[in-house]
Amino acid sequence: MSKNDNSQYDPFAVPEGYDPNATEQQHQTLPPEEPWYKRNPAMMNFVALTIAIISAGLFVYLPHYLHRSKGADYPTIGFPSPVFQIEPLSDNAELKPFTSFNLVGKTTLLNIWGPWCGPCRQELPHMFALNKELSKNPNFQYISVAYPPDLANGFESERTVDGKLVLKINSDVKEQKDLFQKMAVDAATSAGFSGKEIYWDPDGILANALFQSFPTGKQKGIAFPTTILFDNQKVIRAVWVGYTPGLEKQMEAKAQELLSKTPQ
């Protein structure tokens, strides 16, 4: 190999045309590589859309999930029950209308659900087992309040003359009682209940009472399922919105805690 050929591999060889006195701008440099998001705008748009969807989901559902999972962090915790009355749905002569005054003297777990609601039906067998266990204590009562789909879908807030927000209730709900009664009883019995202990809220009194007990903007209606725990002075001690496996353990623990403070 010639001398000239060897000089091409000399690590100390001075590049041809190199001027040590030249300014930095005169030296030839490679342009910086474009960022990946400029090289692939479609991927950038996809990433941005994904982030937006996740952020929106967290904004909408995270507060709801946190309320659901904690059970003790809700606007009405520590406040007395609003005044309400619910009516017997099942054909049970021993079942009388239930009012907020019937909460006094009993630790009460009030479960709001609908036979058309998937999470509600998933929850029902657990509520049956929970009721069976807690009812061993005579100071406990379980109240099941079923809602038909038309009543659930009829929640549209409007302002009254005095400026209060109320829920508009479908006026045809009472005409659907027979059909709805069968739906609710079938769902309850399939979960283990007798089907004779179900109430409903045909005039939306309970729904409106709960709706108005929340600060404006906190809740636009009744979510399904919703379970409220009252102490024996009808004070709200816990609220669970929605259902995920394991919530019944929280309900049992909080109910047992209240019952332990009440002498039998």
Protein backbone atom coordinates (compact mmCIF):
# COMPACT_ATOMS: atom_id res chain seq x y z
CA MET A 1 0.00 0.00 0.00
CA SER A 2 1.35 3.44 -0.94
CA LYS A 3 2.26 6.24 1.47
CA ASN A 4 -0.68 8.26 0.26
CA ASP A 5 -3.04 5.42 1.01
CA ASN A 6 -1.67 5.10 4.54
CA SER A 7 -2.28 8.82 5.19
CA GLN A 8 -6.05 8.28 4.79
CA TYR A 9 -6.03 6.24 7.98
CA ASP A 10 -3.81 8.56 9.98
CA PRO A 11 -5.89 9.70 12.97
CA PHE A 12 -3.78 12.85 13.26
CA ALA A 13 -4.07 13.80 9.61
CA VAL A 14 -5.40 17.33 9.02
CA PRO A 15 -8.59 17.31 6.92
CA GLU A 16 -8.15 18.79 3.48
CA GLY A 17 -9.26 22.44 3.39
CA TYR A 18 -9.21 22.87 7.16
CA ASP A 19 -8.34 26.41 8.21
CA PRO A 20 -7.51 26.72 11.91
CA ASN A 21 -8.04 30.49 11.74
CA ALA A 22 -11.56 30.24 10.37
CA THR A 23 -14.54 31.19 12.52
CA GLU A 24 -16.92 28.53 13.81
CA GLN A 25 -19.53 29.52 11.27
CA GLN A 26 -17.13 28.68 8.46
CA HIS A 27 -16.68 25.10 9.56
CA GLN A 28 -19.01 22.71 7.79
CA THR A 29 -21.44 21.03 10.21
CA LEU A 30 -24.36 18.67 9.76
CA PRO A 31 -27.84 20.14 10.34
CA PRO A 32 -29.52 18.96 13.57
CA GLU A 33 -31.88 16.00 13.24
CA GLU A 34 -35.58 16.91 13.25
CA PRO A 35 -37.58 15.84 16.33
CA TRP A 36 -39.60 12.64 15.91
CA TYR A 37 -42.91 14.49 16.08
CA LYS A 38 -41.94 16.59 13.05
CA ARG A 39 -40.75 13.55 11.12
CA ASN A 40 -44.01 11.69 11.87
CA PRO A 41 -46.91 14.15 12.31
CA ALA A 42 -49.51 11.35 12.14
CA MET A 43 -47.99 9.67 15.18
CA MET A 44 -47.88 13.01 16.98
CA ASN A 45 -51.58 13.53 16.34
CA PHE A 46 -52.34 10.04 17.62
CA VAL A 47 -50.35 10.61 20.82
CA ALA A 48 -52.02 13.97 21.39
CA LEU A 49 -55.48 12.45 20.89
CA THR A 50 -54.68 9.58 23.28
CA ILE A 51 -53.48 11.99 25.96
CA ALA A 52 -56.62 14.11 25.52
CA ILE A 53 -58.91 11.08 25.87
CA ILE A 54 -57.12 9.81 28.97
CA SER A 55 -57.16 13.29 30.54
CA ALA A 56 -60.86 13.71 29.82
CA GLY A 57 -61.58 10.28 31.29
CA LEU A 58 -59.65 11.06 34.45
CA PHE A 59 -61.40 14.43 34.78
CA VAL A 60 -64.86 12.88 34.46
CA TYR A 61 -64.48 9.52 36.19
CA LEU A 62 -61.71 9.89 38.76
CA PRO A 63 -63.76 11.94 41.25
CA HIS A 64 -66.64 9.51 40.80
CA TYR A 65 -64.30 6.54 41.37
CA LEU A 66 -62.73 8.09 44.45
CA HIS A 67 -66.15 8.73 45.99
CA ARG A 68 -67.19 5.22 45.13
CA SER A 69 -64.11 3.60 46.60
CA LYS A 70 -63.85 5.63 49.79
CA GLY A 71 -67.44 5.69 50.97
CA ALA A 72 -66.70 8.40 53.52
CA ASP A 73 -65.81 11.42 51.43
CA TYR A 74 -69.05 12.85 50.06
CA PRO A 75 -70.75 16.25 50.33
CA THR A 76 -73.56 14.93 52.53
CA ILE A 77 -71.44 13.01 55.06
CA GLY A 78 -72.29 14.18 58.58
CA PHE A 79 -75.60 15.77 57.58
CA PRO A 80 -79.02 14.48 58.66
CA SER A 81 -81.15 12.62 56.16
CA PRO A 82 -83.38 14.78 53.99
CA VAL A 83 -87.11 14.27 54.53
CA PHE A 84 -88.51 11.59 52.22
CA GLN A 85 -91.12 8.87 51.88
CA ILE A 86 -91.00 5.71 49.76
CA GLU A 87 -93.77 3.23 49.01
CA PRO A 88 -93.90 -0.58 49.08
CA LEU A 89 -93.43 -2.07 45.64
CA SER A 90 -93.89 -5.75 46.42
CA ASP A 91 -97.23 -7.26 47.44
CA ASN A 92 -96.49 -7.46 51.13
CA ALA A 93 -99.23 -6.36 53.51
CA GLU A 94 -96.70 -6.07 56.33
CA LEU A 95 -94.62 -3.56 54.41
CA LYS A 96 -95.69 0.00 55.17
CA PRO A 97 -94.53 3.29 53.62
CA PHE A 98 -91.04 4.11 54.86
CA THR A 99 -90.05 7.66 55.78
CA SER A 100 -86.90 9.36 56.93
CA PHE A 101 -88.32 9.29 60.48
CA ASN A 102 -88.10 5.47 60.40
CA LEU A 103 -84.32 5.82 60.30
CA VAL A 104 -84.20 6.87 63.96
CA GLY A 105 -83.09 4.10 66.28
CA LYS A 106 -81.62 1.85 63.58
CA THR A 107 -78.35 1.72 61.69
CA THR A 108 -79.70 1.71 58.13
CA LEU A 109 -78.20 0.69 54.82
CA LEU A 110 -80.38 2.13 52.04
CA ASN A 111 -79.63 0.66 48.61
CA ILE A 112 -80.87 2.47 45.48
CA TRP A 113 -80.86 0.24 42.40
CA GLY A 114 -82.72 -0.76 39.23
CA PRO A 115 -83.36 -4.21 37.68
CA TRP A 116 -82.33 -2.76 34.30
CA CYS A 117 -78.94 -1.69 35.70
CA GLY A 118 -76.05 -4.13 35.11
CA PRO A 119 -73.85 -3.04 38.04
CA CYS A 120 -76.92 -3.12 40.31
CA ARG A 121 -77.67 -6.74 39.43
CA GLN A 122 -74.03 -7.61 39.89
CA GLU A 123 -74.16 -6.03 43.34
CA LEU A 124 -77.45 -7.60 44.52
CA PRO A 125 -76.14 -11.04 45.58
CA HIS A 126 -73.46 -9.32 47.66
CA MET A 127 -76.08 -7.06 49.22
CA PHE A 128 -78.15 -10.14 50.10
CA ALA A 129 -75.18 -11.75 51.86
CA LEU A 130 -74.37 -8.44 53.56
CA ASN A 131 -77.94 -7.99 54.77
CA LYS A 132 -78.04 -11.57 56.05
CA GLU A 133 -74.91 -10.99 58.13
CA LEU A 134 -75.75 -7.53 59.46
CA SER A 135 -79.36 -8.42 60.26
CA LYS A 136 -78.11 -10.66 63.04
CA ASN A 137 -77.96 -7.39 64.97
CA PRO A 138 -81.51 -6.18 65.84
CA ASN A 139 -80.33 -2.57 65.58
CA PHE A 140 -79.74 -2.91 61.83
CA GLN A 141 -82.14 -2.51 58.92
CA TYR A 142 -81.67 -2.84 55.16
CA ILE A 143 -83.87 -0.82 52.81
CA SER A 144 -84.07 -1.74 49.13
CA VAL A 145 -85.36 1.02 46.80
CA ALA A 146 -85.82 0.03 43.16
CA TYR A 147 -86.27 2.51 40.31
CA PRO A 148 -87.81 1.82 36.89
CA PRO A 149 -85.82 2.95 33.85
CA ASP A 150 -88.29 5.67 32.87
CA LEU A 151 -88.02 7.25 36.29
CA ALA A 152 -84.24 7.00 36.18
CA ASN A 153 -84.16 8.57 32.73
CA GLY A 154 -86.61 11.29 33.74
CA PHE A 155 -84.08 13.23 35.79
CA GLU A 156 -84.09 16.70 34.29
CA SER A 157 -83.43 19.52 36.69
CA GLU A 158 -85.56 22.65 36.59
CA ARG A 159 -85.90 25.66 38.85
CA THR A 160 -88.99 26.32 40.92
CA VAL A 161 -90.42 29.75 41.64
CA ASP A 162 -88.22 30.12 44.70
CA GLY A 163 -85.12 29.20 42.68
CA LYS A 164 -84.62 25.66 44.00
CA LEU A 165 -83.49 22.92 41.65
CA VAL A 166 -85.85 19.94 41.46
CA LEU A 167 -86.04 16.82 39.33
CA LYS A 168 -88.83 16.38 36.83
CA ILE A 169 -90.37 12.92 37.18
CA ASN A 170 -92.12 11.06 34.38
CA SER A 171 -95.82 11.31 35.21
CA ASP A 172 -96.55 7.91 33.60
CA VAL A 173 -94.32 5.99 36.01
CA LYS A 174 -97.18 4.80 38.25
CA GLU A 175 -98.89 3.17 35.27
CA GLN A 176 -95.85 0.95 34.83
CA LYS A 177 -95.96 -0.43 38.39
CA ASP A 178 -97.17 -3.96 37.55
CA LEU A 179 -94.54 -4.54 34.88
CA PHE A 180 -91.80 -2.94 36.94
CA GLN A 181 -92.82 -4.87 40.06
CA LYS A 182 -92.26 -8.16 38.23
CA MET A 183 -88.88 -7.00 36.93
CA ALA A 184 -87.72 -5.93 40.38
CA VAL A 185 -89.02 -8.99 42.22
CA ASP A 186 -87.46 -11.34 39.67
CA ALA A 187 -84.10 -9.58 39.98
CA ALA A 188 -84.26 -9.58 43.78
CA THR A 189 -85.27 -13.24 44.10
CA SER A 190 -82.55 -14.33 41.69
CA ALA A 191 -80.07 -12.65 44.04
CA GLY A 192 -81.43 -14.46 47.10
CA PHE A 193 -83.95 -11.97 48.47
CA SER A 194 -87.55 -12.98 49.10
CA GLY A 195 -88.81 -10.21 46.82
CA LYS A 196 -91.17 -8.99 49.54
CA GLU A 197 -88.95 -6.25 50.95
CA ILE A 198 -88.73 -3.86 48.01
CA TYR A 199 -89.73 -0.21 48.04
CA TRP A 200 -89.94 2.27 45.19
CA ASP A 201 -90.11 6.03 44.75
CA PRO A 202 -93.03 6.63 42.34
CA ASP A 203 -93.24 10.37 42.98
CA GLY A 204 -89.48 10.90 43.06
CA ILE A 205 -89.63 12.21 46.66
CA LEU A 206 -86.48 10.43 47.76
CA ALA A 207 -84.72 11.24 44.49
CA ASN A 208 -85.53 14.93 44.81
CA ALA A 209 -84.62 14.99 48.49
CA LEU A 210 -81.20 13.51 47.79
CA PHE A 211 -80.75 15.70 44.72
CA GLN A 212 -81.43 18.89 46.67
CA SER A 213 -79.15 17.80 49.51
CA PHE A 214 -76.15 18.00 47.21
CA PRO A 215 -74.49 21.36 46.49
CA THR A 216 -75.43 22.73 43.08
CA GLY A 217 -73.36 21.11 40.37
CA LYS A 218 -72.20 18.19 42.49
CA GLN A 219 -74.80 15.77 41.22
CA LYS A 220 -77.42 16.01 38.49
CA GLY A 221 -79.49 13.02 39.53
CA ILE A 222 -79.29 9.67 41.24
CA ALA A 223 -76.54 7.31 40.12
CA PHE A 224 -77.21 3.58 40.06
CA PRO A 225 -76.48 1.86 42.29
CA THR A 226 -76.10 4.23 45.25
CA THR A 227 -75.92 2.98 48.83
CA ILE A 228 -76.26 5.28 51.85
CA LEU A 229 -75.38 4.37 55.42
CA PHE A 230 -77.27 6.18 58.20
CA ASP A 231 -76.53 5.99 61.90
CA ASN A 232 -79.34 5.55 64.46
CA GLN A 233 -79.86 9.32 64.57
CA LYS A 234 -80.53 9.35 60.78
CA VAL A 235 -77.22 11.08 60.06
CA ILE A 236 -75.50 10.11 56.81
CA ARG A 237 -72.22 8.38 57.63
CA ALA A 238 -71.16 6.95 54.27
CA VAL A 239 -72.19 7.03 50.61
CA TRP A 240 -71.11 4.61 47.88
CA VAL A 241 -71.85 5.45 44.25
CA GLY A 242 -71.52 2.69 41.69
CA TYR A 243 -70.31 -0.82 42.36
CA THR A 244 -66.99 -2.62 42.15
CA PRO A 245 -66.23 -5.98 43.76
CA GLY A 246 -65.18 -5.47 47.35
CA LEU A 247 -67.34 -2.46 48.16
CA GLU A 248 -69.62 -4.66 50.24
CA LYS A 249 -66.68 -5.26 52.58
CA GLN A 250 -66.38 -1.50 53.14
CA MET A 251 -70.11 -1.29 53.76
CA GLU A 252 -70.00 -4.12 56.29
CA ALA A 253 -67.00 -2.64 58.12
CA LYS A 254 -68.59 0.81 58.43
CA ALA A 255 -71.98 -0.61 59.44
CA GLN A 256 -70.37 -2.86 62.07
CA GLU A 257 -68.46 0.14 63.39
CA LEU A 258 -71.71 2.03 63.93
CA LEU A 259 -73.47 -1.00 65.41
CA SER A 260 -70.64 -1.56 67.87
CA LYS A 261 -71.41 1.84 69.38
CA THR A 262 -75.07 0.95 69.92
CA PRO A 263 -75.96 -1.25 72.92
CA GLN A 264 -78.15 -4.20 72.03
